[in-house]
């Protein structure tokens, strides 16, 4: 594990916010099981609390522990993970109220195709991650741009994002997939 990743894991476990490169856009993330950390993430972004934040994981196996990824959802995951596809699925485990959509009991899950993000997720475990920008503002593509937005309130893992577009989001809770947000993966 690199020193940058080791330090980022310490920050996540202590309830801090970490900036990380992904295959789509630069993100900020926290431990999804720490309510105060998730609240801090919403506050930093200026994001409405009713708008769920997805979870990034290091593997399909971990994703399937958290959510019901079967049938066509499993086919989509196998075809596009790691990659720029977020699947909204029914939660397989009881998640805290502040993770996913508590009313629908769903969660958005993605396995990013970026070596730095995967190394961090492998070491820290699943993380609630959102784009590193103020809500409604342009996405950031690297740690320098994110630092210009959030300053010292975030611990940044160096790196840039080759994709430049947020992930495709697909609701996989019904009889067929429904695209909620168009992105790099064409469904």
N, C-alpha and C. Protein backbone atom coordinates (compact mmCIF):
# COMPACT_ATOMS: atom_id res chain seq x y z
N UNK A 1 0.86 -1.18 0.00
CA UNK A 1 0.00 0.00 0.00
C UNK A 1 0.90 1.24 0.00
N UNK A 2 0.57 2.18 -0.86
CA UNK A 2 1.37 3.41 -0.94
C UNK A 2 1.13 4.27 0.31
N UNK A 3 2.09 5.13 0.64
CA UNK A 3 1.89 6.03 1.80
C UNK A 3 0.66 6.92 1.64
N UNK A 4 0.36 7.36 0.40
CA UNK A 4 -0.81 8.21 0.17
C UNK A 4 -2.10 7.46 0.51
N UNK A 5 -2.16 6.20 0.11
CA UNK A 5 -3.36 5.39 0.39
C UNK A 5 -3.46 5.09 1.88
N UNK A 6 -2.33 4.75 2.51
CA UNK A 6 -2.33 4.46 3.95
C UNK A 6 -2.85 5.66 4.73
N UNK A 7 -2.41 6.86 4.37
CA UNK A 7 -2.87 8.07 5.06
C UNK A 7 -4.35 8.31 4.80
N UNK A 8 -4.79 8.09 3.57
CA UNK A 8 -6.21 8.28 3.23
C UNK A 8 -7.09 7.32 4.02
N UNK A 9 -6.65 6.07 4.19
CA UNK A 9 -7.41 5.10 4.99
C UNK A 9 -7.54 5.59 6.42
N UNK A 10 -6.47 6.13 6.99
CA UNK A 10 -6.52 6.68 8.35
C UNK A 10 -7.56 7.79 8.45
N UNK A 11 -7.57 8.67 7.46
CA UNK A 11 -8.52 9.79 7.46
C UNK A 11 -9.96 9.27 7.38
N UNK A 12 -10.21 8.31 6.49
CA UNK A 12 -11.56 7.74 6.34
C UNK A 12 -12.00 7.10 7.65
N UNK A 13 -11.14 6.30 8.25
CA UNK A 13 -11.50 5.61 9.51
C UNK A 13 -11.73 6.58 10.66
N UNK A 14 -11.08 7.76 10.59
CA UNK A 14 -11.25 8.78 11.63
C UNK A 14 -12.46 9.67 11.36
N UNK A 15 -13.22 9.37 10.29
CA UNK A 15 -14.42 10.15 9.99
C UNK A 15 -14.19 11.34 9.09
N UNK A 16 -13.01 11.42 8.46
CA UNK A 16 -12.70 12.53 7.59
C UNK A 16 -13.18 12.31 6.16
N UNK A 17 -13.07 13.36 5.37
CA UNK A 17 -13.45 13.34 3.96
C UNK A 17 -12.17 13.23 3.13
N UNK A 18 -12.19 12.30 2.16
CA UNK A 18 -11.02 12.06 1.31
C UNK A 18 -11.39 12.34 -0.14
N UNK A 19 -10.52 13.05 -0.83
CA UNK A 19 -10.66 13.24 -2.27
C UNK A 19 -9.93 12.13 -2.98
N UNK A 20 -10.54 11.59 -4.06
CA UNK A 20 -9.92 10.48 -4.77
C UNK A 20 -10.22 10.54 -6.25
N UNK A 21 -9.23 10.16 -7.07
CA UNK A 21 -9.48 10.09 -8.50
C UNK A 21 -10.28 8.84 -8.83
N UNK A 22 -11.14 8.95 -9.82
CA UNK A 22 -11.87 7.78 -10.32
C UNK A 22 -11.74 7.78 -11.84
N UNK A 23 -12.37 6.83 -12.47
CA UNK A 23 -12.34 6.75 -13.93
C UNK A 23 -13.28 7.75 -14.59
N UNK A 24 -14.13 8.40 -13.82
CA UNK A 24 -15.11 9.34 -14.38
C UNK A 24 -14.71 10.77 -14.03
N UNK A 25 -15.00 11.21 -12.81
CA UNK A 25 -14.64 12.54 -12.31
C UNK A 25 -13.98 12.37 -10.95
N UNK A 26 -13.28 13.42 -10.49
CA UNK A 26 -12.66 13.36 -9.17
C UNK A 26 -13.77 13.36 -8.13
N UNK A 27 -13.60 12.57 -7.08
CA UNK A 27 -14.64 12.43 -6.08
C UNK A 27 -14.20 12.79 -4.68
N UNK A 28 -15.17 12.93 -3.81
CA UNK A 28 -14.91 13.05 -2.37
C UNK A 28 -15.73 11.97 -1.70
N UNK A 29 -15.13 11.33 -0.70
CA UNK A 29 -15.81 10.20 -0.08
C UNK A 29 -15.53 10.06 1.40
N UNK A 30 -16.38 9.25 2.02
CA UNK A 30 -16.30 9.00 3.46
C UNK A 30 -16.71 7.56 3.75
N UNK A 31 -16.52 7.16 4.99
CA UNK A 31 -17.02 5.88 5.47
C UNK A 31 -18.54 5.97 5.55
N UNK A 32 -19.26 5.12 4.79
CA UNK A 32 -20.73 5.24 4.77
C UNK A 32 -21.40 4.87 6.08
N UNK A 33 -20.68 4.24 6.99
CA UNK A 33 -21.27 3.83 8.26
C UNK A 33 -21.12 4.89 9.35
N UNK A 34 -20.43 5.98 9.05
CA UNK A 34 -20.25 7.06 10.02
C UNK A 34 -21.18 8.23 9.66
N UNK A 35 -22.25 8.35 10.40
CA UNK A 35 -23.28 9.35 10.10
C UNK A 35 -22.72 10.76 10.03
N UNK A 36 -21.85 11.13 10.97
CA UNK A 36 -21.30 12.49 10.97
C UNK A 36 -20.45 12.73 9.73
N UNK A 37 -19.73 11.72 9.28
CA UNK A 37 -18.90 11.86 8.08
C UNK A 37 -19.78 12.07 6.85
N UNK A 38 -20.86 11.30 6.75
CA UNK A 38 -21.77 11.46 5.61
C UNK A 38 -22.42 12.83 5.66
N UNK A 39 -22.81 13.29 6.85
CA UNK A 39 -23.40 14.62 6.99
C UNK A 39 -22.40 15.69 6.55
N UNK A 40 -21.13 15.51 6.89
CA UNK A 40 -20.09 16.45 6.49
C UNK A 40 -19.95 16.48 4.97
N UNK A 41 -20.08 15.33 4.34
CA UNK A 41 -20.00 15.24 2.87
C UNK A 41 -21.13 16.05 2.23
N UNK A 42 -22.35 15.88 2.73
CA UNK A 42 -23.49 16.65 2.23
C UNK A 42 -23.27 18.15 2.44
N UNK A 43 -22.79 18.50 3.62
CA UNK A 43 -22.56 19.91 3.94
C UNK A 43 -21.50 20.52 3.02
N UNK A 44 -20.40 19.82 2.81
CA UNK A 44 -19.34 20.32 1.93
C UNK A 44 -19.86 20.62 0.53
N UNK A 45 -20.67 19.73 0.00
CA UNK A 45 -21.19 19.88 -1.36
C UNK A 45 -22.35 20.87 -1.45
N UNK A 46 -23.02 21.11 -0.33
CA UNK A 46 -24.24 21.89 -0.38
C UNK A 46 -25.34 21.08 -1.04
N UNK A 47 -25.32 19.78 -0.78
CA UNK A 47 -26.24 18.84 -1.42
C UNK A 47 -27.48 18.64 -0.56
N UNK A 48 -28.67 18.64 -1.18
CA UNK A 48 -29.89 18.38 -0.40
C UNK A 48 -29.83 17.00 0.26
N UNK A 49 -30.20 16.89 1.52
CA UNK A 49 -30.09 15.61 2.22
C UNK A 49 -30.98 14.51 1.66
N UNK A 50 -32.00 14.85 0.92
CA UNK A 50 -32.88 13.82 0.37
C UNK A 50 -32.30 13.17 -0.89
N UNK A 51 -31.19 13.69 -1.39
CA UNK A 51 -30.58 13.16 -2.61
C UNK A 51 -29.49 12.15 -2.23
N UNK A 52 -29.71 10.86 -2.48
CA UNK A 52 -28.77 9.83 -2.03
C UNK A 52 -27.39 9.93 -2.69
N UNK A 53 -26.40 9.46 -1.96
CA UNK A 53 -25.03 9.35 -2.47
C UNK A 53 -24.72 7.87 -2.63
N UNK A 54 -24.11 7.53 -3.75
CA UNK A 54 -23.79 6.13 -4.03
C UNK A 54 -22.59 5.63 -3.24
N UNK A 55 -22.36 4.35 -3.39
CA UNK A 55 -21.24 3.70 -2.72
C UNK A 55 -20.31 3.13 -3.78
N UNK A 56 -19.02 3.40 -3.62
CA UNK A 56 -18.01 2.77 -4.46
C UNK A 56 -17.41 1.61 -3.69
N UNK A 57 -17.17 0.52 -4.40
CA UNK A 57 -16.58 -0.69 -3.82
C UNK A 57 -15.46 -1.18 -4.73
N UNK A 58 -14.64 -2.08 -4.21
CA UNK A 58 -13.48 -2.56 -4.96
C UNK A 58 -13.77 -3.74 -5.86
N UNK A 59 -14.92 -4.40 -5.68
CA UNK A 59 -15.17 -5.61 -6.48
C UNK A 59 -16.66 -5.91 -6.59
N UNK A 60 -16.98 -6.72 -7.58
CA UNK A 60 -18.35 -7.20 -7.75
C UNK A 60 -18.78 -8.01 -6.53
N UNK A 61 -17.88 -8.79 -5.99
CA UNK A 61 -18.22 -9.60 -4.80
C UNK A 61 -18.66 -8.72 -3.64
N UNK A 62 -17.93 -7.64 -3.39
CA UNK A 62 -18.31 -6.72 -2.31
C UNK A 62 -19.64 -6.05 -2.63
N UNK A 63 -19.82 -5.67 -3.88
CA UNK A 63 -21.09 -5.04 -4.29
C UNK A 63 -22.26 -5.97 -4.02
N UNK A 64 -22.08 -7.26 -4.30
CA UNK A 64 -23.18 -8.22 -4.11
C UNK A 64 -23.46 -8.49 -2.64
N UNK A 65 -22.50 -8.20 -1.76
CA UNK A 65 -22.76 -8.31 -0.33
C UNK A 65 -23.68 -7.18 0.13
N UNK A 66 -23.59 -6.02 -0.53
CA UNK A 66 -24.38 -4.85 -0.14
C UNK A 66 -25.74 -4.77 -0.83
N UNK A 67 -25.79 -5.19 -2.09
CA UNK A 67 -27.01 -5.02 -2.86
C UNK A 67 -27.39 -6.25 -3.65
N UNK A 68 -28.66 -6.32 -4.02
CA UNK A 68 -29.18 -7.44 -4.80
C UNK A 68 -28.80 -7.25 -6.27
N UNK A 69 -27.69 -7.84 -6.64
CA UNK A 69 -27.19 -7.74 -8.01
C UNK A 69 -27.30 -9.13 -8.61
N UNK A 70 -28.46 -9.36 -9.24
CA UNK A 70 -28.79 -10.64 -9.85
C UNK A 70 -29.42 -10.37 -11.21
N UNK A 71 -29.67 -11.42 -11.97
CA UNK A 71 -30.37 -11.28 -13.25
C UNK A 71 -29.67 -10.30 -14.18
N UNK A 72 -30.45 -9.39 -14.79
CA UNK A 72 -29.85 -8.44 -15.74
C UNK A 72 -28.88 -7.49 -15.05
N UNK A 73 -29.08 -7.20 -13.76
CA UNK A 73 -28.15 -6.33 -13.04
C UNK A 73 -26.77 -6.99 -12.97
N UNK A 74 -26.73 -8.29 -12.73
CA UNK A 74 -25.48 -9.02 -12.70
C UNK A 74 -24.82 -9.03 -14.07
N UNK A 75 -25.63 -9.20 -15.11
CA UNK A 75 -25.09 -9.15 -16.48
C UNK A 75 -24.47 -7.78 -16.78
N UNK A 76 -25.16 -6.71 -16.38
CA UNK A 76 -24.63 -5.36 -16.59
C UNK A 76 -23.34 -5.15 -15.80
N UNK A 77 -23.32 -5.61 -14.56
CA UNK A 77 -22.13 -5.46 -13.72
C UNK A 77 -20.95 -6.22 -14.33
N UNK A 78 -21.18 -7.44 -14.75
CA UNK A 78 -20.09 -8.22 -15.34
C UNK A 78 -19.58 -7.60 -16.64
N UNK A 79 -20.46 -6.98 -17.39
CA UNK A 79 -20.08 -6.38 -18.67
C UNK A 79 -19.37 -5.03 -18.50
N UNK A 80 -19.69 -4.29 -17.42
CA UNK A 80 -19.21 -2.90 -17.34
C UNK A 80 -18.41 -2.56 -16.09
N UNK A 81 -18.18 -3.51 -15.20
CA UNK A 81 -17.36 -3.25 -14.01
C UNK A 81 -16.04 -3.98 -14.12
N UNK A 82 -14.98 -3.39 -13.65
CA UNK A 82 -14.92 -2.00 -13.22
C UNK A 82 -15.24 -1.07 -14.39
N UNK A 83 -15.90 0.03 -14.04
CA UNK A 83 -16.26 0.98 -15.08
C UNK A 83 -17.26 2.02 -14.63
N UNK A 84 -17.70 2.80 -15.60
CA UNK A 84 -18.51 4.00 -15.35
C UNK A 84 -20.01 3.72 -15.31
N UNK A 85 -20.39 2.66 -14.61
CA UNK A 85 -21.81 2.31 -14.48
C UNK A 85 -22.16 2.19 -13.00
N UNK A 86 -23.17 2.98 -12.58
CA UNK A 86 -23.71 2.87 -11.23
C UNK A 86 -25.03 2.14 -11.33
N UNK A 87 -25.16 1.09 -10.54
CA UNK A 87 -26.41 0.32 -10.49
C UNK A 87 -27.17 0.65 -9.22
N UNK A 88 -28.41 1.09 -9.36
CA UNK A 88 -29.28 1.30 -8.21
C UNK A 88 -30.03 -0.01 -8.00
N UNK A 89 -29.80 -0.61 -6.83
CA UNK A 89 -30.36 -1.93 -6.53
C UNK A 89 -30.98 -1.92 -5.14
N UNK A 90 -31.76 -2.95 -4.85
CA UNK A 90 -32.29 -3.10 -3.50
C UNK A 90 -31.14 -3.48 -2.58
N UNK A 91 -31.14 -2.88 -1.39
CA UNK A 91 -30.10 -3.19 -0.42
C UNK A 91 -30.26 -4.62 0.07
N UNK A 92 -29.16 -5.34 0.16
CA UNK A 92 -29.17 -6.73 0.63
C UNK A 92 -29.02 -6.77 2.15
N UNK A 93 -28.37 -5.77 2.70
CA UNK A 93 -28.15 -5.68 4.13
C UNK A 93 -28.89 -4.45 4.65
N UNK A 94 -29.07 -4.38 5.93
CA UNK A 94 -29.70 -3.20 6.53
C UNK A 94 -28.64 -2.11 6.56
N UNK A 95 -28.89 -1.05 5.80
CA UNK A 95 -27.97 0.07 5.74
C UNK A 95 -28.49 1.19 6.63
N UNK A 96 -27.60 2.00 7.17
CA UNK A 96 -28.06 3.14 7.97
C UNK A 96 -28.97 4.04 7.14
N UNK A 97 -29.84 4.79 7.82
CA UNK A 97 -30.79 5.67 7.15
C UNK A 97 -30.13 6.68 6.22
N UNK A 98 -28.90 7.05 6.50
CA UNK A 98 -28.23 8.09 5.72
C UNK A 98 -27.50 7.53 4.49
N UNK A 99 -27.60 6.23 4.24
CA UNK A 99 -26.96 5.61 3.08
C UNK A 99 -28.04 5.19 2.09
N UNK A 100 -27.90 5.58 0.83
CA UNK A 100 -28.88 5.21 -0.19
C UNK A 100 -30.20 5.92 0.00
N UNK A 101 -31.25 5.34 -0.56
CA UNK A 101 -32.61 5.88 -0.45
C UNK A 101 -33.34 5.06 0.59
N UNK A 102 -33.48 5.60 1.78
CA UNK A 102 -34.05 4.83 2.90
C UNK A 102 -35.51 4.46 2.66
N UNK A 103 -36.27 5.30 1.94
CA UNK A 103 -37.67 4.99 1.70
C UNK A 103 -37.83 3.83 0.71
N UNK A 104 -37.02 3.83 -0.34
CA UNK A 104 -37.10 2.76 -1.34
C UNK A 104 -36.24 1.55 -0.96
N UNK A 105 -35.41 1.70 0.07
CA UNK A 105 -34.45 0.65 0.49
C UNK A 105 -33.55 0.24 -0.67
N UNK A 106 -33.05 1.27 -1.38
CA UNK A 106 -32.15 1.04 -2.50
C UNK A 106 -30.82 1.74 -2.25
N UNK A 107 -29.82 1.33 -3.01
CA UNK A 107 -28.50 1.93 -2.92
C UNK A 107 -27.85 1.89 -4.30
N UNK A 108 -27.15 2.96 -4.65
CA UNK A 108 -26.39 2.99 -5.89
C UNK A 108 -24.99 2.48 -5.62
N UNK A 109 -24.54 1.52 -6.43
CA UNK A 109 -23.23 0.90 -6.22
C UNK A 109 -22.45 0.93 -7.52
N UNK A 110 -21.13 1.16 -7.39
CA UNK A 110 -20.26 1.16 -8.57
C UNK A 110 -18.88 0.65 -8.22
N UNK A 111 -18.24 -0.03 -9.16
CA UNK A 111 -16.84 -0.44 -9.06
C UNK A 111 -16.08 0.40 -10.08
N UNK A 112 -15.29 1.38 -9.63
CA UNK A 112 -14.61 2.25 -10.58
C UNK A 112 -13.41 1.57 -11.24
N UNK A 113 -13.09 2.02 -12.44
CA UNK A 113 -11.95 1.48 -13.18
C UNK A 113 -10.77 2.45 -13.09
N UNK A 114 -10.32 2.69 -11.88
CA UNK A 114 -9.15 3.56 -11.66
C UNK A 114 -8.28 2.88 -10.62
N UNK A 115 -7.01 2.65 -10.91
CA UNK A 115 -6.17 1.88 -9.99
C UNK A 115 -6.03 2.51 -8.61
N UNK A 116 -5.97 3.83 -8.53
CA UNK A 116 -5.84 4.49 -7.23
C UNK A 116 -7.12 4.33 -6.41
N UNK A 117 -8.27 4.54 -7.05
CA UNK A 117 -9.55 4.37 -6.36
C UNK A 117 -9.70 2.93 -5.88
N UNK A 118 -9.37 1.97 -6.72
CA UNK A 118 -9.50 0.56 -6.33
C UNK A 118 -8.57 0.21 -5.17
N UNK A 119 -7.35 0.76 -5.18
CA UNK A 119 -6.43 0.50 -4.06
C UNK A 119 -6.99 1.06 -2.76
N UNK A 120 -7.54 2.27 -2.82
CA UNK A 120 -8.12 2.87 -1.62
C UNK A 120 -9.33 2.08 -1.14
N UNK A 121 -10.21 1.69 -2.05
CA UNK A 121 -11.42 0.95 -1.68
C UNK A 121 -11.07 -0.43 -1.13
N UNK A 122 -10.06 -1.06 -1.68
CA UNK A 122 -9.62 -2.36 -1.18
C UNK A 122 -9.13 -2.24 0.27
N UNK A 123 -8.42 -1.15 0.55
CA UNK A 123 -7.86 -0.96 1.90
C UNK A 123 -8.87 -0.40 2.89
N UNK A 124 -9.72 0.53 2.46
CA UNK A 124 -10.65 1.21 3.37
C UNK A 124 -12.01 0.54 3.44
N UNK A 125 -12.35 -0.24 2.41
CA UNK A 125 -13.69 -0.81 2.33
C UNK A 125 -14.61 0.12 1.56
N UNK A 126 -15.89 -0.23 1.46
CA UNK A 126 -16.84 0.60 0.71
C UNK A 126 -16.85 2.04 1.22
N UNK A 127 -17.03 2.97 0.29
CA UNK A 127 -17.08 4.39 0.65
C UNK A 127 -18.26 5.06 -0.04
N UNK A 128 -18.91 5.97 0.67
CA UNK A 128 -19.90 6.85 0.05
C UNK A 128 -19.11 7.92 -0.68
N UNK A 129 -19.29 7.99 -2.01
CA UNK A 129 -18.50 8.91 -2.82
C UNK A 129 -19.42 9.68 -3.76
N UNK A 130 -19.12 10.97 -3.89
CA UNK A 130 -19.83 11.83 -4.82
C UNK A 130 -18.81 12.69 -5.54
N UNK A 131 -19.21 13.35 -6.58
CA UNK A 131 -18.29 14.20 -7.33
C UNK A 131 -17.78 15.33 -6.45
N UNK A 132 -16.52 15.70 -6.67
CA UNK A 132 -15.87 16.74 -5.88
C UNK A 132 -16.17 18.11 -6.47
N UNK A 133 -17.38 18.56 -6.26
CA UNK A 133 -17.81 19.88 -6.71
C UNK A 133 -18.94 20.34 -5.80
N UNK A 134 -19.22 21.61 -5.85
CA UNK A 134 -20.40 22.10 -5.14
C UNK A 134 -21.62 21.66 -5.94
N UNK A 135 -22.69 21.35 -5.26
CA UNK A 135 -23.89 20.85 -5.92
C UNK A 135 -24.33 21.80 -7.02
N UNK A 136 -24.50 21.22 -8.23
CA UNK A 136 -24.93 21.99 -9.37
C UNK A 136 -23.82 22.70 -10.12
N UNK A 137 -22.59 22.61 -9.64
CA UNK A 137 -21.45 23.28 -10.28
C UNK A 137 -20.67 22.28 -11.13
N UNK A 138 -19.75 22.74 -11.98
CA UNK A 138 -18.97 21.82 -12.83
C UNK A 138 -18.15 20.82 -12.01
N UNK A 139 -18.00 19.63 -12.57
CA UNK A 139 -17.20 18.58 -11.94
C UNK A 139 -15.72 18.96 -11.95
N UNK A 140 -14.97 18.40 -11.02
CA UNK A 140 -13.52 18.58 -11.01
C UNK A 140 -12.87 17.31 -11.56
N UNK A 141 -11.69 17.46 -12.15
CA UNK A 141 -11.04 16.34 -12.81
C UNK A 141 -9.76 15.86 -12.12
N UNK A 142 -9.30 16.60 -11.11
CA UNK A 142 -8.09 16.17 -10.40
C UNK A 142 -8.06 16.81 -9.01
N UNK A 143 -7.03 16.42 -8.24
CA UNK A 143 -6.93 16.90 -6.86
C UNK A 143 -6.69 18.41 -6.79
N UNK A 144 -6.01 18.98 -7.77
CA UNK A 144 -5.77 20.42 -7.77
C UNK A 144 -7.08 21.19 -7.93
N UNK A 145 -7.91 20.78 -8.88
CA UNK A 145 -9.20 21.45 -9.07
C UNK A 145 -10.09 21.27 -7.84
N UNK A 146 -10.08 20.07 -7.26
CA UNK A 146 -10.91 19.82 -6.07
C UNK A 146 -10.44 20.66 -4.89
N UNK A 147 -9.13 20.80 -4.74
CA UNK A 147 -8.59 21.62 -3.64
C UNK A 147 -9.03 23.08 -3.80
N UNK A 148 -9.15 23.56 -5.04
CA UNK A 148 -9.61 24.93 -5.27
C UNK A 148 -11.05 25.12 -4.81
N UNK A 149 -11.83 24.04 -4.78
CA UNK A 149 -13.23 24.10 -4.34
C UNK A 149 -13.35 23.93 -2.83
N UNK A 150 -12.63 22.94 -2.26
CA UNK A 150 -12.85 22.57 -0.86
C UNK A 150 -11.71 22.95 0.09
N UNK A 151 -10.58 23.40 -0.44
CA UNK A 151 -9.48 23.81 0.42
C UNK A 151 -9.00 22.68 1.33
N UNK A 152 -8.69 23.03 2.57
CA UNK A 152 -8.13 22.07 3.52
C UNK A 152 -9.18 21.25 4.26
N UNK A 153 -10.44 21.33 3.85
CA UNK A 153 -11.49 20.57 4.53
C UNK A 153 -11.53 19.12 4.07
N UNK A 154 -10.70 18.79 3.07
CA UNK A 154 -10.65 17.45 2.50
C UNK A 154 -9.19 17.00 2.44
N UNK A 155 -8.94 15.71 2.67
CA UNK A 155 -7.62 15.12 2.46
C UNK A 155 -7.60 14.56 1.04
N UNK A 156 -6.65 15.00 0.21
CA UNK A 156 -6.65 14.64 -1.21
C UNK A 156 -5.63 13.56 -1.54
N UNK A 157 -6.09 12.54 -2.26
CA UNK A 157 -5.19 11.57 -2.85
C UNK A 157 -4.88 12.11 -4.25
N UNK A 158 -3.60 12.28 -4.56
CA UNK A 158 -3.26 12.84 -5.87
C UNK A 158 -3.75 11.97 -7.02
N UNK A 159 -4.12 12.62 -8.11
CA UNK A 159 -4.52 11.89 -9.30
C UNK A 159 -5.50 12.66 -10.15
N UNK A 160 -5.63 12.20 -11.39
CA UNK A 160 -6.56 12.81 -12.32
C UNK A 160 -7.50 11.75 -12.87
N UNK A 161 -8.54 12.22 -13.53
CA UNK A 161 -9.62 11.35 -13.99
C UNK A 161 -9.69 11.38 -15.50
N UNK A 162 -9.49 10.24 -16.14
CA UNK A 162 -9.48 10.21 -17.60
C UNK A 162 -10.85 10.32 -18.26
N UNK A 163 -11.92 9.98 -17.54
CA UNK A 163 -13.24 9.93 -18.16
C UNK A 163 -13.85 11.27 -18.46
N UNK A 164 -13.88 12.14 -17.45
CA UNK A 164 -14.41 13.47 -17.64
C UNK A 164 -15.92 13.60 -17.60
N UNK A 165 -16.65 12.50 -17.42
CA UNK A 165 -18.12 12.54 -17.33
C UNK A 165 -18.57 11.66 -16.17
N UNK A 166 -19.62 12.07 -15.46
CA UNK A 166 -20.16 11.23 -14.39
C UNK A 166 -20.65 9.89 -14.96
N UNK A 167 -20.72 8.91 -14.10
CA UNK A 167 -21.13 7.56 -14.52
C UNK A 167 -22.57 7.51 -15.02
N UNK A 168 -22.85 6.52 -15.83
CA UNK A 168 -24.22 6.19 -16.22
C UNK A 168 -24.88 5.59 -14.98
N UNK A 169 -26.10 6.01 -14.68
CA UNK A 169 -26.84 5.47 -13.53
C UNK A 169 -28.05 4.71 -14.05
N UNK A 170 -28.16 3.45 -13.63
CA UNK A 170 -29.26 2.59 -14.07
C UNK A 170 -30.01 2.06 -12.86
N UNK A 171 -31.32 2.25 -12.85
CA UNK A 171 -32.18 1.65 -11.83
C UNK A 171 -32.40 0.19 -12.23
N UNK A 172 -31.89 -0.71 -11.40
CA UNK A 172 -31.99 -2.14 -11.67
C UNK A 172 -32.92 -2.83 -10.67
N UNK A 173 -33.93 -2.09 -10.18
CA UNK A 173 -34.83 -2.65 -9.19
C UNK A 173 -36.11 -3.22 -9.78
N UNK A 174 -36.36 -2.95 -11.05
CA UNK A 174 -37.60 -3.41 -11.67
C UNK A 174 -37.36 -4.54 -12.65
N UNK A 175 -38.39 -4.85 -13.44
CA UNK A 175 -38.28 -5.98 -14.38
C UNK A 175 -37.29 -5.73 -15.52
N UNK A 176 -36.98 -4.45 -15.81
CA UNK A 176 -35.97 -4.14 -16.83
C UNK A 176 -35.23 -2.88 -16.42
N UNK A 177 -34.01 -2.70 -16.93
CA UNK A 177 -33.22 -1.54 -16.52
C UNK A 177 -33.82 -0.23 -17.00
N UNK A 178 -33.71 0.80 -16.16
CA UNK A 178 -34.17 2.15 -16.49
C UNK A 178 -32.98 3.09 -16.29
N UNK A 179 -32.59 3.79 -17.34
CA UNK A 179 -31.48 4.73 -17.25
C UNK A 179 -31.95 5.99 -16.54
N UNK A 180 -31.32 6.30 -15.41
CA UNK A 180 -31.65 7.50 -14.63
C UNK A 180 -30.76 8.67 -15.02
N UNK A 181 -29.53 8.37 -15.44
CA UNK A 181 -28.60 9.42 -15.90
C UNK A 181 -27.73 8.83 -17.00
N UNK A 182 -27.73 9.50 -18.12
CA UNK A 182 -26.88 9.06 -19.22
C UNK A 182 -25.43 9.41 -18.90
N UNK A 183 -24.52 8.57 -19.34
CA UNK A 183 -23.09 8.79 -19.10
C UNK A 183 -22.27 8.00 -20.10
N UNK A 184 -21.06 7.65 -19.74
CA UNK A 184 -20.14 6.98 -20.66
C UNK A 184 -20.58 5.58 -21.11
N UNK A 185 -21.34 4.87 -20.29
CA UNK A 185 -21.79 3.53 -20.64
C UNK A 185 -23.16 3.63 -21.30
N UNK A 186 -23.27 3.13 -22.52
CA UNK A 186 -24.52 3.20 -23.26
C UNK A 186 -25.35 1.97 -22.95
N UNK A 187 -26.51 2.17 -22.33
CA UNK A 187 -27.41 1.06 -21.99
C UNK A 187 -28.66 1.20 -22.83
